[in-house]
């Protein structure tokens, strides 16, 4: 039987839910080979790994802030404001 993985979430200042895992952590680093490494523990980790030192990445702290636009790929045409 498969092991159940429980994922917890955190909300940023704009109310957007963010999964608490290595993929959303500010201490995540990606090697040239594509492996995920925790900069604090200096360990190779899986994408859904969550440790006690998890902190939301700077990019995810700003999600939902507004002011951005979506442009058509390869052009400057704005699709969504």
PDB file of N, CA and C in Angstrom:
ATOM      1  N   UNK A   1       0.842  -1.177   0.000  1.00  0.00           N
ATOM      2  CA  UNK A   1       0.000   0.000   0.000  1.00  0.00           C
ATOM      3  C   UNK A   1       0.893   1.247   0.000  1.00  0.00           C
ATOM      4  N   UNK A   2       0.515   2.246  -0.762  1.00  0.00           N
ATOM      5  CA  UNK A   2       1.304   3.471  -0.879  1.00  0.00           C
ATOM      6  C   UNK A   2       1.224   4.291   0.404  1.00  0.00           C
ATOM      7  N   UNK A   3       2.332   4.923   0.710  1.00  0.00           N
ATOM      8  CA  UNK A   3       2.394   5.784   1.889  1.00  0.00           C
ATOM      9  C   UNK A   3       1.671   7.100   1.588  1.00  0.00           C
ATOM     10  N   UNK A   4       0.803   7.529   2.494  1.00  0.00           N
ATOM     11  CA  UNK A   4       0.062   8.773   2.310  1.00  0.00           C
ATOM     12  C   UNK A   4       0.958   9.955   2.640  1.00  0.00           C
ATOM     13  N   UNK A   5       1.009  10.918   1.736  1.00  0.00           N
ATOM     14  CA  UNK A   5       1.802  12.120   1.951  1.00  0.00           C
ATOM     15  C   UNK A   5       0.848  13.248   2.300  1.00  0.00           C
ATOM     16  N   UNK A   6       1.070  13.856   3.439  1.00  0.00           N
ATOM     17  CA  UNK A   6       0.226  14.969   3.871  1.00  0.00           C
ATOM     18  C   UNK A   6       0.960  16.273   3.532  1.00  0.00           C
ATOM     19  N   UNK A   7       0.304  17.110   2.755  1.00  0.00           N
ATOM     20  CA  UNK A   7       0.902  18.372   2.328  1.00  0.00           C
ATOM     21  C   UNK A   7       0.230  19.502   3.089  1.00  0.00           C
ATOM     22  N   UNK A   8       1.043  20.334   3.717  1.00  0.00           N
ATOM     23  CA  UNK A   8       0.506  21.498   4.406  1.00  0.00           C
ATOM     24  C   UNK A   8       0.699  22.729   3.520  1.00  0.00           C
ATOM     25  N   UNK A   9      -0.075  23.743   3.784  1.00  0.00           N
ATOM     26  CA  UNK A   9      -0.015  24.963   2.986  1.00  0.00           C
ATOM     27  C   UNK A   9       0.206  26.171   3.885  1.00  0.00           C
ATOM     28  N   UNK A  10       0.731  27.220   3.299  1.00  0.00           N
ATOM     29  CA  UNK A  10       0.880  28.512   3.959  1.00  0.00           C
ATOM     30  C   UNK A  10       0.290  29.551   3.015  1.00  0.00           C
ATOM     31  N   UNK A  11      -0.127  30.668   3.542  1.00  0.00           N
ATOM     32  CA  UNK A  11      -0.659  31.747   2.712  1.00  0.00           C
ATOM     33  C   UNK A  11       0.316  32.915   2.728  1.00  0.00           C
ATOM     34  N   UNK A  12       0.465  33.556   1.565  1.00  0.00           N
ATOM     35  CA  UNK A  12       1.317  34.741   1.530  1.00  0.00           C
ATOM     36  C   UNK A  12       0.493  35.965   1.927  1.00  0.00           C
ATOM     37  N   UNK A  13       1.081  37.130   1.880  1.00  0.00           N
ATOM     38  CA  UNK A  13       0.425  38.364   2.328  1.00  0.00           C
ATOM     39  C   UNK A  13      -0.800  38.719   1.480  1.00  0.00           C
ATOM     40  N   UNK A  14      -0.923  38.142   0.280  1.00  0.00           N
ATOM     41  CA  UNK A  14      -2.025  38.460  -0.623  1.00  0.00           C
ATOM     42  C   UNK A  14      -3.085  37.364  -0.643  1.00  0.00           C
ATOM     43  N   UNK A  15      -2.987  36.396   0.289  1.00  0.00           N
ATOM     44  CA  UNK A  15      -3.997  35.357   0.430  1.00  0.00           C
ATOM     45  C   UNK A  15      -3.850  34.171  -0.499  1.00  0.00           C
ATOM     46  N   UNK A  16      -2.731  34.064  -1.204  1.00  0.00           N
ATOM     47  CA  UNK A  16      -2.509  32.943  -2.120  1.00  0.00           C
ATOM     48  C   UNK A  16      -1.920  31.780  -1.332  1.00  0.00           C
ATOM     49  N   UNK A  17      -2.515  30.582  -1.475  1.00  0.00           N
ATOM     50  CA  UNK A  17      -2.018  29.401  -0.781  1.00  0.00           C
ATOM     51  C   UNK A  17      -0.784  28.863  -1.493  1.00  0.00           C
ATOM     52  N   UNK A  18       0.242  28.508  -0.706  1.00  0.00           N
ATOM     53  CA  UNK A  18       1.490  27.962  -1.221  1.00  0.00           C
ATOM     54  C   UNK A  18       1.774  26.658  -0.483  1.00  0.00           C
ATOM     55  N   UNK A  19       2.068  25.587  -1.236  1.00  0.00           N
ATOM     56  CA  UNK A  19       2.394  24.309  -0.607  1.00  0.00           C
ATOM     57  C   UNK A  19       3.737  24.410   0.098  1.00  0.00           C
ATOM     58  N   UNK A  20       3.801  23.901   1.332  1.00  0.00           N
ATOM     59  CA  UNK A  20       5.040  23.912   2.104  1.00  0.00           C
ATOM     60  C   UNK A  20       5.860  22.683   1.721  1.00  0.00           C
ATOM     61  N   UNK A  21       6.763  22.847   0.767  1.00  0.00           N
ATOM     62  CA  UNK A  21       7.629  21.752   0.327  1.00  0.00           C
ATOM     63  C   UNK A  21       8.911  22.372  -0.231  1.00  0.00           C
ATOM     64  N   UNK A  22       9.846  21.524  -0.564  1.00  0.00           N
ATOM     65  CA  UNK A  22      11.139  22.008  -1.053  1.00  0.00           C
ATOM     66  C   UNK A  22      10.986  22.860  -2.316  1.00  0.00           C
ATOM     67  N   UNK A  23      10.019  22.526  -3.143  1.00  0.00           N
ATOM     68  CA  UNK A  23       9.829  23.264  -4.399  1.00  0.00           C
ATOM     69  C   UNK A  23       9.492  24.734  -4.171  1.00  0.00           C
ATOM     70  N   UNK A  24       8.906  25.081  -3.021  1.00  0.00           N
ATOM     71  CA  UNK A  24       8.519  26.467  -2.749  1.00  0.00           C
ATOM     72  C   UNK A  24       9.405  27.134  -1.692  1.00  0.00           C
ATOM     73  N   UNK A  25      10.494  26.493  -1.311  1.00  0.00           N
ATOM     74  CA  UNK A  25      11.353  26.990  -0.229  1.00  0.00           C
ATOM     75  C   UNK A  25      12.424  27.956  -0.741  1.00  0.00           C
ATOM     76  N   UNK A  26      12.737  28.947   0.053  1.00  0.00           N
ATOM     77  CA  UNK A  26      13.771  29.913  -0.339  1.00  0.00           C
ATOM     78  C   UNK A  26      15.176  29.328  -0.275  1.00  0.00           C
ATOM     79  N   UNK A  27      15.373  28.190   0.401  1.00  0.00           N
ATOM     80  CA  UNK A  27      16.692  27.575   0.538  1.00  0.00           C
ATOM     81  C   UNK A  27      16.986  26.548  -0.552  1.00  0.00           C
ATOM     82  N   UNK A  28      16.064  26.392  -1.495  1.00  0.00           N
ATOM     83  CA  UNK A  28      16.223  25.420  -2.576  1.00  0.00           C
ATOM     84  C   UNK A  28      17.257  25.904  -3.577  1.00  0.00           C
ATOM     85  N   UNK A  29      18.092  24.989  -4.011  1.00  0.00           N
ATOM     86  CA  UNK A  29      19.037  25.259  -5.089  1.00  0.00           C
ATOM     87  C   UNK A  29      18.950  24.114  -6.080  1.00  0.00           C
ATOM     88  N   UNK A  30      19.170  24.401  -7.351  1.00  0.00           N
ATOM     89  CA  UNK A  30      19.144  23.380  -8.393  1.00  0.00           C
ATOM     90  C   UNK A  30      20.549  23.271  -8.975  1.00  0.00           C
ATOM     91  N   UNK A  31      21.084  22.041  -9.024  1.00  0.00           N
ATOM     92  CA  UNK A  31      22.419  21.827  -9.573  1.00  0.00           C
ATOM     93  C   UNK A  31      22.357  21.835 -11.095  1.00  0.00           C
ATOM     94  N   UNK A  32      23.522  21.843 -11.743  1.00  0.00           N
ATOM     95  CA  UNK A  32      23.584  21.806 -13.209  1.00  0.00           C
ATOM     96  C   UNK A  32      22.957  20.539 -13.770  1.00  0.00           C
ATOM     97  N   UNK A  33      22.957  19.465 -12.984  1.00  0.00           N
ATOM     98  CA  UNK A  33      22.372  18.190 -13.416  1.00  0.00           C
ATOM     99  C   UNK A  33      20.862  18.161 -13.196  1.00  0.00           C
ATOM    100  N   UNK A  34      20.301  19.174 -12.547  1.00  0.00           N
ATOM    101  CA  UNK A  34      18.874  19.245 -12.305  1.00  0.00           C
ATOM    102  C   UNK A  34      18.432  18.696 -10.958  1.00  0.00           C
ATOM    103  N   UNK A  35      19.384  18.320 -10.109  1.00  0.00           N
ATOM    104  CA  UNK A  35      19.043  17.793  -8.786  1.00  0.00           C
ATOM    105  C   UNK A  35      18.722  18.948  -7.843  1.00  0.00           C
ATOM    106  N   UNK A  36      17.771  18.719  -6.950  1.00  0.00           N
ATOM    107  CA  UNK A  36      17.363  19.722  -5.968  1.00  0.00           C
ATOM    108  C   UNK A  36      18.188  19.535  -4.702  1.00  0.00           C
ATOM    109  N   UNK A  37      18.778  20.624  -4.208  1.00  0.00           N
ATOM    110  CA  UNK A  37      19.634  20.573  -3.022  1.00  0.00           C
ATOM    111  C   UNK A  37      19.168  21.627  -2.020  1.00  0.00           C
ATOM    112  N   UNK A  38      19.103  21.250  -0.744  1.00  0.00           N
ATOM    113  CA  UNK A  38      18.778  22.198   0.316  1.00  0.00           C
ATOM    114  C   UNK A  38      20.067  22.922   0.697  1.00  0.00           C
ATOM    115  N   UNK A  39      20.080  24.245   0.572  1.00  0.00           N
ATOM    116  CA  UNK A  39      21.273  25.031   0.868  1.00  0.00           C
ATOM    117  C   UNK A  39      21.602  25.025   2.357  1.00  0.00           C
ATOM    118  N   UNK A  40      20.605  24.846   3.217  1.00  0.00           N
ATOM    119  CA  UNK A  40      20.855  24.822   4.661  1.00  0.00           C
ATOM    120  C   UNK A  40      21.471  23.501   5.112  1.00  0.00           C
ATOM    121  N   UNK A  41      20.868  22.393   4.657  1.00  0.00           N
ATOM    122  CA  UNK A  41      21.311  21.083   5.116  1.00  0.00           C
ATOM    123  C   UNK A  41      22.369  20.466   4.223  1.00  0.00           C
ATOM    124  N   UNK A  42      22.600  21.035   3.055  1.00  0.00           N
ATOM    125  CA  UNK A  42      23.562  20.517   2.073  1.00  0.00           C
ATOM    126  C   UNK A  42      23.242  19.080   1.697  1.00  0.00           C
ATOM    127  N   UNK A  43      21.940  18.781   1.536  1.00  0.00           N
ATOM    128  CA  UNK A  43      21.482  17.442   1.176  1.00  0.00           C
ATOM    129  C   UNK A  43      20.692  17.487  -0.123  1.00  0.00           C
ATOM    130  N   UNK A  44      20.800  16.412  -0.900  1.00  0.00           N
ATOM    131  CA  UNK A  44      19.966  16.252  -2.078  1.00  0.00           C
ATOM    132  C   UNK A  44      18.587  15.837  -1.575  1.00  0.00           C
ATOM    133  N   UNK A  45      17.540  16.535  -2.003  1.00  0.00           N
ATOM    134  CA  UNK A  45      16.204  16.279  -1.484  1.00  0.00           C
ATOM    135  C   UNK A  45      15.212  16.080  -2.621  1.00  0.00           C
ATOM    136  N   UNK A  46      14.072  15.469  -2.293  1.00  0.00           N
ATOM    137  CA  UNK A  46      12.987  15.265  -3.246  1.00  0.00           C
ATOM    138  C   UNK A  46      12.136  16.532  -3.306  1.00  0.00           C
ATOM    139  N   UNK A  47      11.325  16.663  -4.346  1.00  0.00           N
ATOM    140  CA  UNK A  47      10.545  17.882  -4.551  1.00  0.00           C
ATOM    141  C   UNK A  47       9.508  18.123  -3.469  1.00  0.00           C
ATOM    142  N   UNK A  48       8.939  17.077  -2.885  1.00  0.00           N
ATOM    143  CA  UNK A  48       7.904  17.257  -1.876  1.00  0.00           C
ATOM    144  C   UNK A  48       8.457  17.211  -0.457  1.00  0.00           C
ATOM    145  N   UNK A  49       9.773  17.188  -0.291  1.00  0.00           N
ATOM    146  CA  UNK A  49      10.393  17.169   1.030  1.00  0.00           C
ATOM    147  C   UNK A  49      10.085  18.475   1.762  1.00  0.00           C
ATOM    148  N   UNK A  50       9.729  18.380   3.032  1.00  0.00           N
ATOM    149  CA  UNK A  50       9.468  19.568   3.853  1.00  0.00           C
ATOM    150  C   UNK A  50      10.256  19.444   5.151  1.00  0.00           C
ATOM    151  N   UNK A  51      11.078  20.427   5.450  1.00  0.00           N
ATOM    152  CA  UNK A  51      11.849  20.393   6.686  1.00  0.00           C
ATOM    153  C   UNK A  51      11.381  21.500   7.635  1.00  0.00           C
ATOM    154  N   UNK A  52      11.902  21.509   8.824  1.00  0.00           N
ATOM    155  CA  UNK A  52      11.504  22.487   9.840  1.00  0.00           C
ATOM    156  C   UNK A  52      11.976  23.902   9.493  1.00  0.00           C
ATOM    157  N   UNK A  53      12.981  24.043   8.634  1.00  0.00           N
ATOM    158  CA  UNK A  53      13.529  25.365   8.290  1.00  0.00           C
ATOM    159  C   UNK A  53      12.880  25.966   7.040  1.00  0.00           C
ATOM    160  N   UNK A  54      11.747  25.395   6.588  1.00  0.00           N
ATOM    161  CA  UNK A  54      11.096  25.876   5.371  1.00  0.00           C
ATOM    162  C   UNK A  54      10.738  27.351   5.505  1.00  0.00           C
ATOM    163  N   UNK A  55      11.054  28.119   4.464  1.00  0.00           N
ATOM    164  CA  UNK A  55      10.658  29.526   4.365  1.00  0.00           C
ATOM    165  C   UNK A  55      10.195  29.771   2.938  1.00  0.00           C
ATOM    166  N   UNK A  56       9.138  30.544   2.778  1.00  0.00           N
ATOM    167  CA  UNK A  56       8.588  30.810   1.463  1.00  0.00           C
ATOM    168  C   UNK A  56       9.598  31.570   0.608  1.00  0.00           C
ATOM    169  N   UNK A  57       9.727  31.155  -0.651  1.00  0.00           N
ATOM    170  CA  UNK A  57      10.663  31.821  -1.560  1.00  0.00           C
ATOM    171  C   UNK A  57      10.207  33.250  -1.826  1.00  0.00           C
ATOM    172  N   UNK A  58      11.151  34.109  -2.163  1.00  0.00           N
ATOM    173  CA  UNK A  58      10.848  35.524  -2.385  1.00  0.00           C
ATOM    174  C   UNK A  58       9.848  35.710  -3.523  1.00  0.00           C
ATOM    175  N   UNK A  59       9.962  34.928  -4.576  1.00  0.00           N
ATOM    176  CA  UNK A  59       9.035  35.041  -5.702  1.00  0.00           C
ATOM    177  C   UNK A  59       7.606  34.718  -5.303  1.00  0.00           C
ATOM    178  N   UNK A  60       7.422  33.711  -4.459  1.00  0.00           N
ATOM    179  CA  UNK A  60       6.080  33.326  -4.036  1.00  0.00           C
ATOM    180  C   UNK A  60       5.491  34.302  -3.024  1.00  0.00           C
ATOM    181  N   UNK A  61       6.328  35.058  -2.343  1.00  0.00           N
ATOM    182  CA  UNK A  61       5.814  36.073  -1.421  1.00  0.00           C
ATOM    183  C   UNK A  61       5.064  37.170  -2.171  1.00  0.00           C
ATOM    184  N   UNK A  62       5.413  37.397  -3.442  1.00  0.00           N
ATOM    185  CA  UNK A  62       4.817  38.478  -4.233  1.00  0.00           C
ATOM    186  C   UNK A  62       3.666  38.029  -5.119  1.00  0.00           C
ATOM    187  N   UNK A  63       3.362  36.724  -5.163  1.00  0.00           N
ATOM    188  CA  UNK A  63       2.284  36.234  -6.011  1.00  0.00           C
ATOM    189  C   UNK A  63       0.955  36.813  -5.529  1.00  0.00           C
ATOM    190  N   UNK A  64       0.174  37.324  -6.453  1.00  0.00           N
ATOM    191  CA  UNK A  64      -1.122  37.896  -6.126  1.00  0.00           C
ATOM    192  C   UNK A  64      -1.080  39.388  -5.881  1.00  0.00           C
ATOM    193  N   UNK A  65       0.096  39.986  -5.972  1.00  0.00           N
ATOM    194  CA  UNK A  65       0.264  41.413  -5.711  1.00  0.00           C
ATOM    195  C   UNK A  65      -0.435  42.255  -6.782  1.00  0.00           C
ATOM    196  N   UNK A  66      -0.479  41.765  -8.001  1.00  0.00           N
ATOM    197  CA  UNK A  66      -1.124  42.506  -9.082  1.00  0.00           C
ATOM    198  C   UNK A  66      -0.133  43.381  -9.820  1.00  0.00           C
ATOM    199  N   UNK A  67      -0.610  44.036 -10.824  1.00  0.00           N
ATOM    200  CA  UNK A  67       0.237  44.939 -11.598  1.00  0.00           C
ATOM    201  C   UNK A  67       0.915  44.269 -12.773  1.00  0.00           C
ATOM    202  N   UNK A  68       0.777  42.959 -12.917  1.00  0.00           N
ATOM    203  CA  UNK A  68       1.417  42.243 -14.010  1.00  0.00           C
ATOM    204  C   UNK A  68       0.479  42.063 -15.188  1.00  0.00           C
ATOM    205  N   UNK A  69       1.028  41.683 -16.317  1.00  0.00           N
ATOM    206  CA  UNK A  69       0.241  41.404 -17.512  1.00  0.00           C
ATOM    207  C   UNK A  69       0.714  40.079 -18.109  1.00  0.00           C
ATOM    208  N   UNK A  70      -0.147  39.449 -18.897  1.00  0.00           N
ATOM    209  CA  UNK A  70       0.210  38.234 -19.628  1.00  0.00           C
ATOM    210  C   UNK A  70       0.332  38.608 -21.088  1.00  0.00           C
ATOM    211  N   UNK A  71       1.480  38.279 -21.671  1.00  0.00           N
ATOM    212  CA  UNK A  71       1.720  38.612 -23.076  1.00  0.00           C
ATOM    213  C   UNK A  71       1.728  37.353 -23.925  1.00  0.00           C
ATOM    214  N   UNK A  72       1.340  37.493 -25.177  1.00  0.00           N
ATOM    215  CA  UNK A  72       1.368  36.400 -26.125  1.00  0.00           C
ATOM    216  C   UNK A  72       2.826  36.024 -26.366  1.00  0.00           C
ATOM    217  N   UNK A  73       3.128  34.730 -26.271  1.00  0.00           N
ATOM    218  CA  UNK A  73       4.509  34.253 -26.405  1.00  0.00           C
ATOM    219  C   UNK A  73       5.104  34.684 -27.751  1.00  0.00           C
ATOM    220  N   UNK A  74       6.291  35.262 -27.699  1.00  0.00           N
ATOM    221  CA  UNK A  74       6.986  35.675 -28.903  1.00  0.00           C
ATOM    222  C   UNK A  74       6.597  37.036 -29.435  1.00  0.00           C
ATOM    223  N   UNK A  75       5.604  37.679 -28.838  1.00  0.00           N
ATOM    224  CA  UNK A  75       5.199  39.013 -29.286  1.00  0.00           C
ATOM    225  C   UNK A  75       5.069  39.915 -28.074  1.00  0.00           C
ATOM    226  N   UNK A  76       4.682  41.134 -28.319  1.00  0.00           N
ATOM    227  CA  UNK A  76       4.453  42.066 -27.218  1.00  0.00           C
ATOM    228  C   UNK A  76       2.969  42.316 -26.985  1.00  0.00           C
ATOM    229  N   UNK A  77       2.107  41.521 -27.656  1.00  0.00           N
ATOM    230  CA  UNK A  77       0.669  41.690 -27.546  1.00  0.00           C
ATOM    231  C   UNK A  77       0.189  41.252 -26.155  1.00  0.00           C
ATOM    232  N   UNK A  78      -0.520  42.121 -25.462  1.00  0.00           N
ATOM    233  CA  UNK A  78      -1.022  41.816 -24.130  1.00  0.00           C
ATOM    234  C   UNK A  78      -2.341  41.058 -24.258  1.00  0.00           C
ATOM    235  N   UNK A  79      -2.403  39.882 -23.564  1.00  0.00           N
ATOM    236  CA  UNK A  79      -3.610  39.056 -23.585  1.00  0.00           C
ATOM    237  C   UNK A  79      -4.480  39.374 -22.377  1.00  0.00           C
ATOM    238  N   UNK A  80      -3.894  39.405 -21.196  1.00  0.00           N
ATOM    239  CA  UNK A  80      -4.618  39.695 -19.951  1.00  0.00           C
ATOM    240  C   UNK A  80      -3.959  40.832 -19.204  1.00  0.00           C
ATOM    241  N   UNK A  81      -4.771  41.700 -18.652  1.00  0.00           N
ATOM    242  CA  UNK A  81      -4.247  42.780 -17.799  1.00  0.00           C
ATOM    243  C   UNK A  81      -4.580  42.484 -16.378  1.00  0.00           C
TER     244      UNK A  81
END
